[in-house]
N, C-alpha and C. Protein backbone atom coordinates (compact mmCIF):
# COMPACT_ATOMS: atom_id res chain seq x y z
N MET A 1 29.45 106.18 162.48
CA MET A 1 28.51 106.41 161.39
C MET A 1 27.20 106.95 161.94
N LEU A 2 26.75 108.06 161.38
CA LEU A 2 25.45 108.60 161.73
C LEU A 2 24.35 107.67 161.24
N VAL A 3 23.25 107.62 161.98
CA VAL A 3 22.09 106.83 161.59
C VAL A 3 20.87 107.75 161.58
N LEU A 4 20.08 107.69 160.51
CA LEU A 4 18.86 108.48 160.43
C LEU A 4 17.67 107.54 160.30
N TYR A 5 16.76 107.63 161.26
CA TYR A 5 15.51 106.88 161.20
C TYR A 5 14.44 107.79 160.57
N GLY A 6 13.71 107.27 159.60
CA GLY A 6 12.67 108.06 158.97
C GLY A 6 12.03 107.31 157.84
N HIS A 7 11.30 108.04 157.01
CA HIS A 7 10.65 107.45 155.84
C HIS A 7 10.86 108.36 154.65
N PRO A 8 11.14 107.79 153.47
CA PRO A 8 11.44 108.62 152.30
C PRO A 8 10.33 109.58 151.89
N PHE A 9 9.06 109.26 152.21
CA PHE A 9 7.94 110.10 151.81
C PHE A 9 7.60 111.15 152.86
N SER A 10 8.25 111.08 154.00
CA SER A 10 8.02 112.02 155.10
C SER A 10 8.68 113.36 154.79
N SER A 11 7.91 114.43 154.88
CA SER A 11 8.44 115.75 154.58
C SER A 11 9.59 116.12 155.51
N TYR A 12 9.45 115.83 156.78
CA TYR A 12 10.49 116.22 157.72
C TYR A 12 11.72 115.31 157.61
N THR A 13 11.51 114.05 157.25
CA THR A 13 12.66 113.20 156.95
C THR A 13 13.43 113.77 155.76
N GLN A 14 12.70 114.19 154.74
CA GLN A 14 13.35 114.77 153.56
C GLN A 14 14.13 116.03 153.92
N LYS A 15 13.60 116.81 154.81
CA LYS A 15 14.29 118.03 155.23
C LYS A 15 15.65 117.71 155.83
N ALA A 16 15.71 116.68 156.67
CA ALA A 16 16.99 116.25 157.23
C ALA A 16 17.90 115.66 156.17
N LEU A 17 17.31 114.90 155.26
CA LEU A 17 18.10 114.30 154.17
C LEU A 17 18.74 115.37 153.30
N ILE A 18 18.03 116.48 153.07
CA ILE A 18 18.60 117.57 152.28
C ILE A 18 19.91 118.03 152.88
N ALA A 19 19.93 118.22 154.20
CA ALA A 19 21.15 118.68 154.87
C ALA A 19 22.28 117.67 154.72
N LEU A 20 21.95 116.40 154.85
CA LEU A 20 22.97 115.35 154.70
C LEU A 20 23.47 115.26 153.27
N TYR A 21 22.57 115.36 152.31
CA TYR A 21 22.97 115.29 150.90
C TYR A 21 23.75 116.53 150.46
N GLU A 22 23.38 117.70 150.98
CA GLU A 22 24.08 118.93 150.60
C GLU A 22 25.58 118.82 150.87
N ASN A 23 25.92 118.21 151.99
CA ASN A 23 27.32 118.12 152.38
C ASN A 23 27.91 116.73 152.18
N GLU A 24 27.17 115.86 151.50
CA GLU A 24 27.63 114.49 151.25
C GLU A 24 28.12 113.83 152.55
N THR A 25 27.35 114.04 153.61
CA THR A 25 27.69 113.50 154.92
C THR A 25 27.37 112.01 154.96
N PRO A 26 28.33 111.16 155.29
CA PRO A 26 28.05 109.72 155.36
C PRO A 26 27.05 109.42 156.48
N PHE A 27 26.09 108.56 156.18
CA PHE A 27 25.12 108.15 157.19
C PHE A 27 24.44 106.87 156.72
N GLU A 28 23.81 106.19 157.66
CA GLU A 28 23.01 105.01 157.35
C GLU A 28 21.54 105.37 157.51
N PHE A 29 20.75 105.06 156.51
CA PHE A 29 19.31 105.35 156.59
C PHE A 29 18.57 104.09 157.00
N ARG A 30 17.74 104.21 158.03
CA ARG A 30 16.93 103.10 158.50
C ARG A 30 15.46 103.47 158.35
N GLU A 31 14.83 102.85 157.37
CA GLU A 31 13.45 103.19 157.03
C GLU A 31 12.48 102.67 158.09
N ILE A 32 11.50 103.49 158.43
CA ILE A 32 10.44 103.11 159.35
C ILE A 32 9.25 102.64 158.53
N GLY A 33 8.86 101.40 158.70
CA GLY A 33 7.74 100.85 157.95
C GLY A 33 7.54 99.40 158.29
N PRO A 34 6.42 98.83 157.86
CA PRO A 34 6.12 97.43 158.21
C PRO A 34 7.14 96.43 157.69
N GLU A 35 7.88 96.80 156.64
CA GLU A 35 8.89 95.90 156.10
C GLU A 35 10.15 95.86 156.96
N HIS A 36 10.24 96.79 157.93
CA HIS A 36 11.44 96.89 158.74
C HIS A 36 11.07 96.95 160.23
N PRO A 37 10.51 95.87 160.78
CA PRO A 37 10.05 95.89 162.18
C PRO A 37 11.16 96.17 163.18
N ASP A 38 12.37 95.72 162.91
CA ASP A 38 13.47 95.96 163.84
C ASP A 38 13.77 97.46 163.96
N ASN A 39 13.65 98.17 162.84
CA ASN A 39 13.88 99.61 162.87
C ASN A 39 12.84 100.33 163.71
N ILE A 40 11.60 99.84 163.66
CA ILE A 40 10.52 100.48 164.42
C ILE A 40 10.79 100.40 165.92
N GLY A 41 11.20 99.23 166.39
CA GLY A 41 11.49 99.07 167.81
C GLY A 41 12.62 99.96 168.27
N ALA A 42 13.69 100.02 167.48
CA ALA A 42 14.84 100.84 167.85
C ALA A 42 14.48 102.32 167.82
N TRP A 43 13.66 102.71 166.86
CA TRP A 43 13.21 104.10 166.74
C TRP A 43 12.38 104.52 167.94
N LEU A 44 11.40 103.70 168.30
CA LEU A 44 10.53 104.04 169.43
C LEU A 44 11.27 104.03 170.75
N GLU A 45 12.28 103.21 170.85
CA GLU A 45 13.09 103.21 172.08
C GLU A 45 13.81 104.53 172.24
N ARG A 46 14.23 105.10 171.13
CA ARG A 46 14.95 106.38 171.17
C ARG A 46 14.01 107.58 171.27
N TRP A 47 12.79 107.45 170.73
CA TRP A 47 11.87 108.58 170.73
C TRP A 47 10.43 108.08 170.83
N PRO A 48 9.94 107.85 172.04
CA PRO A 48 8.60 107.28 172.23
C PRO A 48 7.47 108.18 171.75
N MET A 49 7.76 109.43 171.38
CA MET A 49 6.73 110.29 170.80
C MET A 49 6.32 109.80 169.41
N ALA A 50 7.07 108.84 168.87
CA ALA A 50 6.74 108.17 167.60
C ALA A 50 6.68 109.14 166.43
N LEU A 51 7.62 110.06 166.39
CA LEU A 51 7.75 110.99 165.27
C LEU A 51 9.13 110.83 164.65
N PHE A 52 9.20 111.04 163.36
CA PHE A 52 10.52 111.01 162.73
C PHE A 52 10.71 112.25 161.87
N PRO A 53 12.01 112.54 161.61
CA PRO A 53 13.19 111.68 161.75
C PRO A 53 13.82 111.74 163.14
N VAL A 54 14.67 110.76 163.39
CA VAL A 54 15.55 110.74 164.55
C VAL A 54 16.95 110.49 164.04
N LEU A 55 17.89 111.35 164.44
CA LEU A 55 19.29 111.18 164.08
C LEU A 55 20.04 110.62 165.28
N VAL A 56 20.81 109.57 165.05
CA VAL A 56 21.60 108.96 166.12
C VAL A 56 23.07 109.16 165.79
N ASP A 57 23.79 109.72 166.74
CA ASP A 57 25.23 109.95 166.61
C ASP A 57 25.89 109.38 167.86
N GLY A 58 26.37 108.16 167.75
CA GLY A 58 26.93 107.51 168.93
C GLY A 58 25.86 107.27 169.98
N ASP A 59 26.10 107.82 171.18
CA ASP A 59 25.15 107.65 172.28
C ASP A 59 24.08 108.74 172.29
N ARG A 60 24.14 109.65 171.35
CA ARG A 60 23.22 110.79 171.36
C ARG A 60 22.15 110.65 170.28
N SER A 61 20.90 110.92 170.66
CA SER A 61 19.79 110.93 169.71
C SER A 61 19.26 112.36 169.58
N LEU A 62 19.01 112.78 168.35
CA LEU A 62 18.51 114.12 168.06
C LEU A 62 17.16 114.02 167.37
N VAL A 63 16.22 114.86 167.80
CA VAL A 63 14.91 114.93 167.17
C VAL A 63 14.61 116.39 166.83
N GLU A 64 13.52 116.59 166.08
CA GLU A 64 13.13 117.89 165.54
C GLU A 64 14.13 118.30 164.45
N THR A 65 13.61 118.38 163.23
CA THR A 65 14.50 118.47 162.06
C THR A 65 15.40 119.70 162.06
N SER A 66 14.88 120.84 162.46
CA SER A 66 15.71 122.04 162.48
C SER A 66 16.88 121.89 163.45
N ILE A 67 16.62 121.23 164.58
CA ILE A 67 17.68 120.97 165.56
C ILE A 67 18.69 119.98 164.99
N ILE A 68 18.20 118.97 164.29
CA ILE A 68 19.10 118.00 163.66
C ILE A 68 20.04 118.69 162.68
N ILE A 69 19.49 119.59 161.86
CA ILE A 69 20.32 120.27 160.87
C ILE A 69 21.34 121.18 161.56
N GLU A 70 20.93 121.85 162.60
CA GLU A 70 21.88 122.70 163.32
C GLU A 70 22.97 121.85 163.98
N TYR A 71 22.59 120.72 164.52
CA TYR A 71 23.56 119.81 165.14
C TYR A 71 24.57 119.32 164.09
N LEU A 72 24.09 118.97 162.91
CA LEU A 72 24.99 118.51 161.86
C LEU A 72 26.02 119.58 161.52
N GLN A 73 25.58 120.83 161.48
CA GLN A 73 26.53 121.90 161.16
C GLN A 73 27.57 122.07 162.27
N LEU A 74 27.17 121.85 163.51
CA LEU A 74 28.10 121.99 164.63
C LEU A 74 29.07 120.82 164.74
N LYS A 75 28.55 119.61 164.57
CA LYS A 75 29.35 118.41 164.84
C LYS A 75 29.87 117.71 163.59
N HIS A 76 29.22 117.91 162.47
CA HIS A 76 29.64 117.25 161.22
C HIS A 76 29.58 118.27 160.09
N PRO A 77 30.33 119.36 160.20
CA PRO A 77 30.24 120.44 159.21
C PRO A 77 30.76 120.02 157.85
N GLY A 78 30.22 120.69 156.84
CA GLY A 78 30.67 120.48 155.47
C GLY A 78 30.80 121.82 154.77
N PRO A 79 31.04 121.81 153.48
CA PRO A 79 31.24 123.07 152.74
C PRO A 79 29.99 123.93 152.65
N VAL A 80 28.81 123.32 152.71
CA VAL A 80 27.57 124.09 152.62
C VAL A 80 27.07 124.38 154.03
N ARG A 81 27.09 125.67 154.39
CA ARG A 81 26.65 126.07 155.72
C ARG A 81 25.21 126.56 155.63
N LEU A 82 24.32 125.77 156.19
CA LEU A 82 22.89 126.06 156.07
C LEU A 82 22.40 127.10 157.06
N ILE A 83 23.22 127.41 158.07
CA ILE A 83 22.91 128.48 159.02
C ILE A 83 24.09 129.45 159.00
N PRO A 84 23.86 130.71 158.67
CA PRO A 84 24.97 131.66 158.55
C PRO A 84 25.69 131.86 159.89
N ASP A 85 26.96 132.22 159.80
CA ASP A 85 27.74 132.52 161.00
C ASP A 85 27.31 133.84 161.62
N ASP A 86 26.92 134.79 160.79
CA ASP A 86 26.48 136.09 161.31
C ASP A 86 25.17 135.92 162.08
N PRO A 87 25.12 136.35 163.35
CA PRO A 87 23.93 136.10 164.18
C PRO A 87 22.64 136.68 163.62
N MET A 88 22.69 137.88 163.06
CA MET A 88 21.47 138.49 162.55
C MET A 88 21.00 137.78 161.27
N ALA A 89 21.94 137.40 160.42
CA ALA A 89 21.57 136.63 159.22
C ALA A 89 21.01 135.27 159.61
N ALA A 90 21.59 134.67 160.64
CA ALA A 90 21.09 133.39 161.13
C ALA A 90 19.68 133.52 161.68
N LEU A 91 19.39 134.66 162.32
CA LEU A 91 18.05 134.90 162.85
C LEU A 91 17.02 134.94 161.72
N ASP A 92 17.38 135.60 160.62
CA ASP A 92 16.49 135.66 159.46
C ASP A 92 16.22 134.26 158.90
N VAL A 93 17.27 133.46 158.83
CA VAL A 93 17.13 132.09 158.33
C VAL A 93 16.23 131.26 159.24
N ARG A 94 16.45 131.38 160.53
CA ARG A 94 15.62 130.61 161.48
C ARG A 94 14.16 131.06 161.42
N PHE A 95 13.93 132.35 161.23
CA PHE A 95 12.55 132.82 161.11
C PHE A 95 11.87 132.21 159.89
N MET A 96 12.54 132.24 158.74
CA MET A 96 11.93 131.70 157.54
C MET A 96 11.75 130.19 157.65
N ASP A 97 12.67 129.52 158.30
CA ASP A 97 12.51 128.09 158.58
C ASP A 97 11.23 127.84 159.37
N ARG A 98 11.02 128.65 160.40
CA ARG A 98 9.81 128.51 161.21
C ARG A 98 8.56 128.84 160.40
N PHE A 99 8.66 129.85 159.54
CA PHE A 99 7.49 130.22 158.74
C PHE A 99 7.05 129.06 157.86
N PHE A 100 7.99 128.45 157.16
CA PHE A 100 7.63 127.36 156.27
C PHE A 100 7.08 126.16 157.04
N ASP A 101 7.66 125.85 158.18
CA ASP A 101 7.16 124.71 158.97
C ASP A 101 5.78 125.00 159.56
N LEU A 102 5.60 126.19 160.11
CA LEU A 102 4.38 126.49 160.86
C LEU A 102 3.22 126.98 160.01
N HIS A 103 3.52 127.72 158.94
CA HIS A 103 2.45 128.35 158.17
C HIS A 103 2.21 127.73 156.80
N VAL A 104 3.12 126.87 156.37
CA VAL A 104 2.91 126.16 155.11
C VAL A 104 2.75 124.66 155.37
N MET A 105 3.74 124.06 156.00
CA MET A 105 3.66 122.62 156.26
C MET A 105 2.49 122.26 157.17
N ASP A 106 2.38 122.95 158.29
CA ASP A 106 1.29 122.65 159.21
C ASP A 106 -0.07 122.90 158.55
N ALA A 107 -0.17 123.92 157.72
CA ALA A 107 -1.44 124.23 157.06
C ALA A 107 -1.88 123.09 156.15
N GLN A 108 -0.96 122.60 155.33
CA GLN A 108 -1.35 121.52 154.42
C GLN A 108 -1.62 120.23 155.16
N GLN A 109 -0.98 120.03 156.31
CA GLN A 109 -1.19 118.81 157.07
C GLN A 109 -2.58 118.76 157.71
N VAL A 110 -3.22 119.91 157.87
CA VAL A 110 -4.60 119.91 158.35
C VAL A 110 -5.49 119.16 157.37
N ALA A 111 -5.29 119.39 156.08
CA ALA A 111 -6.07 118.70 155.05
C ALA A 111 -5.80 117.20 155.07
N VAL A 112 -4.53 116.83 155.23
CA VAL A 112 -4.17 115.42 155.24
C VAL A 112 -4.73 114.73 156.49
N ALA A 113 -4.53 115.37 157.65
CA ALA A 113 -4.97 114.76 158.91
C ALA A 113 -6.48 114.60 158.96
N SER A 114 -7.23 115.58 158.45
CA SER A 114 -8.69 115.47 158.46
C SER A 114 -9.16 114.37 157.51
N LYS A 115 -8.47 114.22 156.39
CA LYS A 115 -8.82 113.16 155.44
C LYS A 115 -8.59 111.79 156.06
N LEU A 116 -7.56 111.67 156.87
CA LEU A 116 -7.22 110.40 157.51
C LEU A 116 -8.00 110.17 158.81
N GLY A 117 -8.80 111.14 159.22
CA GLY A 117 -9.57 111.01 160.45
C GLY A 117 -8.75 111.14 161.71
N ARG A 118 -7.64 111.83 161.63
CA ARG A 118 -6.75 111.98 162.79
C ARG A 118 -7.08 113.19 163.64
N ILE A 119 -7.92 114.07 163.14
CA ILE A 119 -8.36 115.22 163.92
C ILE A 119 -9.89 115.31 163.82
N PRO A 120 -10.55 115.89 164.82
CA PRO A 120 -12.01 115.94 164.83
C PRO A 120 -12.57 116.99 163.89
N MET A 121 -12.43 116.73 162.60
CA MET A 121 -12.87 117.67 161.57
C MET A 121 -13.14 116.88 160.31
N THR A 122 -14.19 117.23 159.59
CA THR A 122 -14.47 116.53 158.34
C THR A 122 -13.38 116.83 157.32
N ALA A 123 -13.24 115.94 156.35
CA ALA A 123 -12.25 116.14 155.31
C ALA A 123 -12.51 117.43 154.54
N GLU A 124 -13.79 117.75 154.32
CA GLU A 124 -14.15 118.96 153.58
C GLU A 124 -13.76 120.21 154.37
N ASP A 125 -14.04 120.20 155.67
CA ASP A 125 -13.68 121.35 156.50
C ASP A 125 -12.17 121.48 156.64
N GLY A 126 -11.50 120.35 156.74
CA GLY A 126 -10.04 120.38 156.85
C GLY A 126 -9.40 120.95 155.60
N LEU A 127 -9.92 120.56 154.45
CA LEU A 127 -9.38 121.08 153.19
C LEU A 127 -9.66 122.58 153.07
N ALA A 128 -10.84 123.00 153.47
CA ALA A 128 -11.18 124.42 153.39
C ALA A 128 -10.28 125.25 154.30
N LEU A 129 -10.03 124.75 155.51
CA LEU A 129 -9.16 125.47 156.43
C LEU A 129 -7.73 125.51 155.90
N ALA A 130 -7.26 124.39 155.36
CA ALA A 130 -5.92 124.36 154.78
C ALA A 130 -5.80 125.37 153.65
N HIS A 131 -6.80 125.44 152.79
CA HIS A 131 -6.77 126.40 151.68
C HIS A 131 -6.72 127.84 152.20
N GLU A 132 -7.52 128.13 153.21
CA GLU A 132 -7.53 129.47 153.77
C GLU A 132 -6.16 129.86 154.31
N ARG A 133 -5.55 128.96 155.07
CA ARG A 133 -4.24 129.25 155.65
C ARG A 133 -3.16 129.34 154.58
N LEU A 134 -3.22 128.46 153.60
CA LEU A 134 -2.20 128.46 152.56
C LEU A 134 -2.29 129.71 151.69
N ARG A 135 -3.48 130.18 151.40
CA ARG A 135 -3.60 131.41 150.60
C ARG A 135 -2.93 132.58 151.32
N LYS A 136 -3.12 132.65 152.62
CA LYS A 136 -2.47 133.72 153.39
C LYS A 136 -0.95 133.58 153.32
N ALA A 137 -0.47 132.35 153.50
CA ALA A 137 0.98 132.11 153.47
C ALA A 137 1.55 132.40 152.09
N TYR A 138 0.88 131.93 151.04
CA TYR A 138 1.35 132.18 149.68
C TYR A 138 1.42 133.68 149.40
N GLY A 139 0.40 134.39 149.84
CA GLY A 139 0.38 135.83 149.60
C GLY A 139 1.53 136.55 150.28
N TRP A 140 1.81 136.15 151.51
CA TRP A 140 2.93 136.79 152.23
C TRP A 140 4.25 136.43 151.57
N LEU A 141 4.42 135.17 151.20
CA LEU A 141 5.67 134.74 150.58
C LEU A 141 5.90 135.40 149.23
N GLU A 142 4.84 135.69 148.50
CA GLU A 142 4.97 136.33 147.20
C GLU A 142 5.72 137.65 147.32
N GLY A 143 5.48 138.38 148.40
CA GLY A 143 6.21 139.62 148.63
C GLY A 143 7.56 139.40 149.27
N ALA A 144 7.63 138.48 150.23
CA ALA A 144 8.87 138.25 150.97
C ALA A 144 9.99 137.69 150.10
N LEU A 145 9.63 136.93 149.06
CA LEU A 145 10.64 136.29 148.21
C LEU A 145 11.00 137.12 146.98
N ALA A 146 10.33 138.21 146.76
CA ALA A 146 10.56 139.03 145.57
C ALA A 146 12.02 139.49 145.50
N GLY A 147 12.65 139.29 144.36
CA GLY A 147 14.02 139.74 144.15
C GLY A 147 15.08 138.84 144.76
N LYS A 148 14.69 137.70 145.29
CA LYS A 148 15.64 136.79 145.94
C LYS A 148 15.74 135.48 145.15
N THR A 149 16.94 134.91 145.16
CA THR A 149 17.10 133.58 144.58
C THR A 149 16.62 132.52 145.55
N TRP A 150 17.03 132.68 146.82
CA TRP A 150 16.66 131.74 147.87
C TRP A 150 15.88 132.49 148.95
N ALA A 151 15.44 131.78 149.95
CA ALA A 151 14.50 132.36 150.93
C ALA A 151 15.05 133.59 151.63
N CYS A 152 16.36 133.60 151.88
CA CYS A 152 16.97 134.72 152.61
C CYS A 152 18.04 135.44 151.81
N GLY A 153 17.95 135.35 150.50
CA GLY A 153 18.93 136.06 149.68
C GLY A 153 19.55 135.17 148.64
N GLU A 154 20.86 135.25 148.51
CA GLU A 154 21.55 134.53 147.45
C GLU A 154 22.23 133.25 147.94
N SER A 155 22.13 132.95 149.22
CA SER A 155 22.74 131.74 149.77
C SER A 155 21.67 130.73 150.17
N TYR A 156 21.83 129.50 149.72
CA TYR A 156 20.93 128.41 150.08
C TYR A 156 21.12 128.10 151.56
N SER A 157 19.99 127.89 152.28
CA SER A 157 20.08 127.77 153.73
C SER A 157 19.07 126.78 154.30
N LEU A 158 19.07 126.68 155.61
CA LEU A 158 18.08 125.90 156.34
C LEU A 158 16.67 126.28 155.92
N ALA A 159 16.42 127.55 155.70
CA ALA A 159 15.09 128.01 155.29
C ALA A 159 14.66 127.37 153.98
N ASP A 160 15.60 127.18 153.07
CA ASP A 160 15.27 126.58 151.78
C ASP A 160 15.04 125.08 151.91
N ALA A 161 15.72 124.44 152.84
CA ALA A 161 15.43 123.03 153.11
C ALA A 161 14.00 122.89 153.61
N ALA A 162 13.59 123.78 154.50
CA ALA A 162 12.21 123.76 155.00
C ALA A 162 11.22 124.08 153.88
N ALA A 163 11.56 125.05 153.05
CA ALA A 163 10.67 125.44 151.96
C ALA A 163 10.49 124.32 150.95
N SER A 164 11.56 123.58 150.69
CA SER A 164 11.51 122.53 149.67
C SER A 164 10.39 121.55 149.94
N THR A 165 10.38 120.99 151.14
CA THR A 165 9.40 119.96 151.44
C THR A 165 8.02 120.55 151.70
N SER A 166 7.96 121.70 152.37
CA SER A 166 6.65 122.27 152.69
C SER A 166 5.93 122.73 151.42
N LEU A 167 6.62 123.40 150.52
CA LEU A 167 5.98 123.86 149.29
C LEU A 167 5.69 122.72 148.33
N PHE A 168 6.53 121.69 148.36
CA PHE A 168 6.29 120.54 147.50
C PHE A 168 4.93 119.92 147.79
N TYR A 169 4.67 119.64 149.07
CA TYR A 169 3.41 119.01 149.43
C TYR A 169 2.25 120.00 149.50
N ALA A 170 2.52 121.23 149.89
CA ALA A 170 1.45 122.23 149.93
C ALA A 170 0.84 122.43 148.55
N ASP A 171 1.67 122.41 147.53
CA ASP A 171 1.19 122.56 146.16
C ASP A 171 0.21 121.46 145.78
N TRP A 172 0.33 120.30 146.40
CA TRP A 172 -0.60 119.20 146.13
C TRP A 172 -1.95 119.46 146.79
N VAL A 173 -1.95 120.27 147.85
CA VAL A 173 -3.19 120.59 148.56
C VAL A 173 -3.86 121.82 147.96
N LEU A 174 -3.07 122.84 147.68
CA LEU A 174 -3.54 124.04 146.99
C LEU A 174 -2.47 124.43 145.99
N GLU A 175 -2.74 124.19 144.72
CA GLU A 175 -1.73 124.40 143.69
C GLU A 175 -1.23 125.84 143.69
N ILE A 176 0.07 125.99 143.59
CA ILE A 176 0.69 127.31 143.49
C ILE A 176 0.63 127.71 142.01
N THR A 177 -0.39 128.41 141.65
CA THR A 177 -0.65 128.76 140.26
C THR A 177 0.08 130.04 139.86
N ASP A 178 -0.20 130.52 138.66
CA ASP A 178 0.39 131.76 138.18
C ASP A 178 -0.11 132.98 138.95
N ALA A 179 -1.07 132.78 139.84
CA ALA A 179 -1.50 133.87 140.71
C ALA A 179 -0.39 134.27 141.68
N TRP A 180 0.57 133.36 141.89
CA TRP A 180 1.72 133.62 142.77
C TRP A 180 2.99 133.32 141.97
N PRO A 181 3.34 134.15 140.98
CA PRO A 181 4.45 133.82 140.08
C PRO A 181 5.81 133.74 140.77
N VAL A 182 6.06 134.61 141.74
CA VAL A 182 7.35 134.58 142.44
C VAL A 182 7.50 133.28 143.22
N LEU A 183 6.45 132.91 143.93
CA LEU A 183 6.49 131.68 144.73
C LEU A 183 6.58 130.45 143.83
N ARG A 184 5.85 130.48 142.75
CA ARG A 184 5.87 129.35 141.81
C ARG A 184 7.27 129.14 141.24
N ALA A 185 7.93 130.22 140.86
CA ALA A 185 9.29 130.13 140.31
C ALA A 185 10.27 129.66 141.38
N TYR A 186 10.09 130.13 142.60
CA TYR A 186 10.96 129.70 143.70
C TYR A 186 10.81 128.20 143.93
N ARG A 187 9.59 127.70 143.93
CA ARG A 187 9.38 126.26 144.10
C ARG A 187 10.09 125.47 143.01
N GLN A 188 10.07 125.97 141.80
CA GLN A 188 10.75 125.28 140.71
C GLN A 188 12.26 125.26 140.92
N ARG A 189 12.81 126.34 141.45
CA ARG A 189 14.25 126.35 141.73
C ARG A 189 14.59 125.32 142.81
N LEU A 190 13.74 125.22 143.80
CA LEU A 190 13.97 124.23 144.86
C LEU A 190 13.97 122.81 144.30
N LEU A 191 13.05 122.54 143.39
CA LEU A 191 12.96 121.20 142.80
C LEU A 191 14.20 120.84 141.99
N LYS A 192 14.89 121.84 141.47
CA LYS A 192 16.09 121.59 140.67
C LYS A 192 17.35 121.44 141.52
N ARG A 193 17.26 121.78 142.79
CA ARG A 193 18.42 121.63 143.67
C ARG A 193 18.73 120.13 143.81
N PRO A 194 19.96 119.68 143.50
CA PRO A 194 20.24 118.25 143.48
C PRO A 194 19.87 117.50 144.76
N SER A 195 20.07 118.12 145.91
CA SER A 195 19.77 117.44 147.17
C SER A 195 18.29 117.14 147.29
N PHE A 196 17.44 118.09 146.92
CA PHE A 196 16.01 117.86 147.03
C PHE A 196 15.50 117.02 145.87
N ALA A 197 16.06 117.20 144.69
CA ALA A 197 15.67 116.37 143.55
C ALA A 197 15.88 114.89 143.88
N ARG A 198 16.94 114.60 144.61
CA ARG A 198 17.21 113.22 145.03
C ARG A 198 16.12 112.73 145.97
N CYS A 199 15.71 113.58 146.92
CA CYS A 199 14.64 113.20 147.85
C CYS A 199 13.34 112.91 147.10
N VAL A 200 13.02 113.75 146.12
CA VAL A 200 11.79 113.58 145.35
C VAL A 200 11.80 112.24 144.63
N GLU A 201 12.92 111.90 144.02
CA GLU A 201 13.00 110.64 143.28
C GLU A 201 12.93 109.45 144.22
N GLU A 202 13.59 109.54 145.37
CA GLU A 202 13.59 108.42 146.31
C GLU A 202 12.20 108.16 146.88
N ALA A 203 11.34 109.16 146.88
CA ALA A 203 10.00 109.01 147.45
C ALA A 203 8.93 108.80 146.39
N ARG A 204 9.29 108.79 145.12
CA ARG A 204 8.29 108.74 144.06
C ARG A 204 7.40 107.50 144.14
N TYR A 205 7.96 106.38 144.56
CA TYR A 205 7.20 105.13 144.65
C TYR A 205 5.98 105.26 145.56
N PHE A 206 6.08 106.13 146.58
CA PHE A 206 5.04 106.21 147.61
C PHE A 206 3.92 107.20 147.27
N ARG A 207 3.98 107.87 146.14
CA ARG A 207 2.99 108.89 145.82
C ARG A 207 1.54 108.39 145.82
N PRO A 208 1.28 107.17 145.38
CA PRO A 208 -0.11 106.70 145.41
C PRO A 208 -0.72 106.66 146.81
N PHE A 209 0.12 106.73 147.84
CA PHE A 209 -0.40 106.66 149.20
C PHE A 209 -0.79 108.03 149.75
N PHE A 210 -0.53 109.10 149.01
CA PHE A 210 -0.92 110.43 149.49
C PHE A 210 -2.43 110.49 149.58
N PRO A 211 -3.00 110.76 150.75
CA PRO A 211 -4.44 110.58 150.95
C PRO A 211 -5.33 111.48 150.10
N LEU A 212 -4.81 112.61 149.64
CA LEU A 212 -5.62 113.51 148.82
C LEU A 212 -5.45 113.25 147.33
N GLY A 213 -4.56 112.30 147.00
CA GLY A 213 -4.27 112.05 145.61
C GLY A 213 -3.13 112.92 145.12
N ALA A 214 -2.04 112.30 144.71
CA ALA A 214 -0.88 113.07 144.26
C ALA A 214 -1.05 113.46 142.79
N PRO A 215 -0.83 114.72 142.46
CA PRO A 215 -0.95 115.15 141.06
C PRO A 215 0.19 114.59 140.20
N ASP A 216 0.03 114.67 138.90
CA ASP A 216 1.04 114.14 137.99
C ASP A 216 2.24 115.07 137.82
N ARG A 217 2.08 116.34 138.22
CA ARG A 217 3.19 117.28 138.02
C ARG A 217 4.36 116.93 138.95
N ASP A 218 5.50 117.51 138.66
CA ASP A 218 6.73 117.27 139.43
C ASP A 218 7.23 115.85 139.22
């Protein structure tokens, strides 16, 4: 049985959960939190960098969500292939996966981290920097996603798993308004995908803990 250590409100945990839910892959979820001290010790023993998620498969531990998803496709494949077999198509998917993680998720996390005092920047400056970076990302995505159902065409992929969580939380930092209609519609399609809709519902209880205040939408 696969074991996933993480937290339901964690964006990267949700990204791994999407892959597991897409293929109905059996696994045990072990939540990281004060209510589960035993899980914390086992998690840190496997990954002292203290980041989640961590996937455990027998004697092997996997970290970094994109690697976890690729590992699942190699070792526990299902009907939904999140990384195409064609090498060039796979390259496009990996690029978009990196774009969403690095230019959307990381951008919004600047606002969160500054609010929590985790980086040497005021909350106001952190929010301003996050907005600047997100506007650039939203603008690029508005063109890149035009005419597509999913991030890389008509097939749901790893890139869409990354987009689901990054755009979900980024919208809370800088709302994706009608100024970006293509991106806004794409985010709505992601929210309707059953695998991500399940993640959203499982994490709904934790919304009051979002340091910037979670909006009522979604």
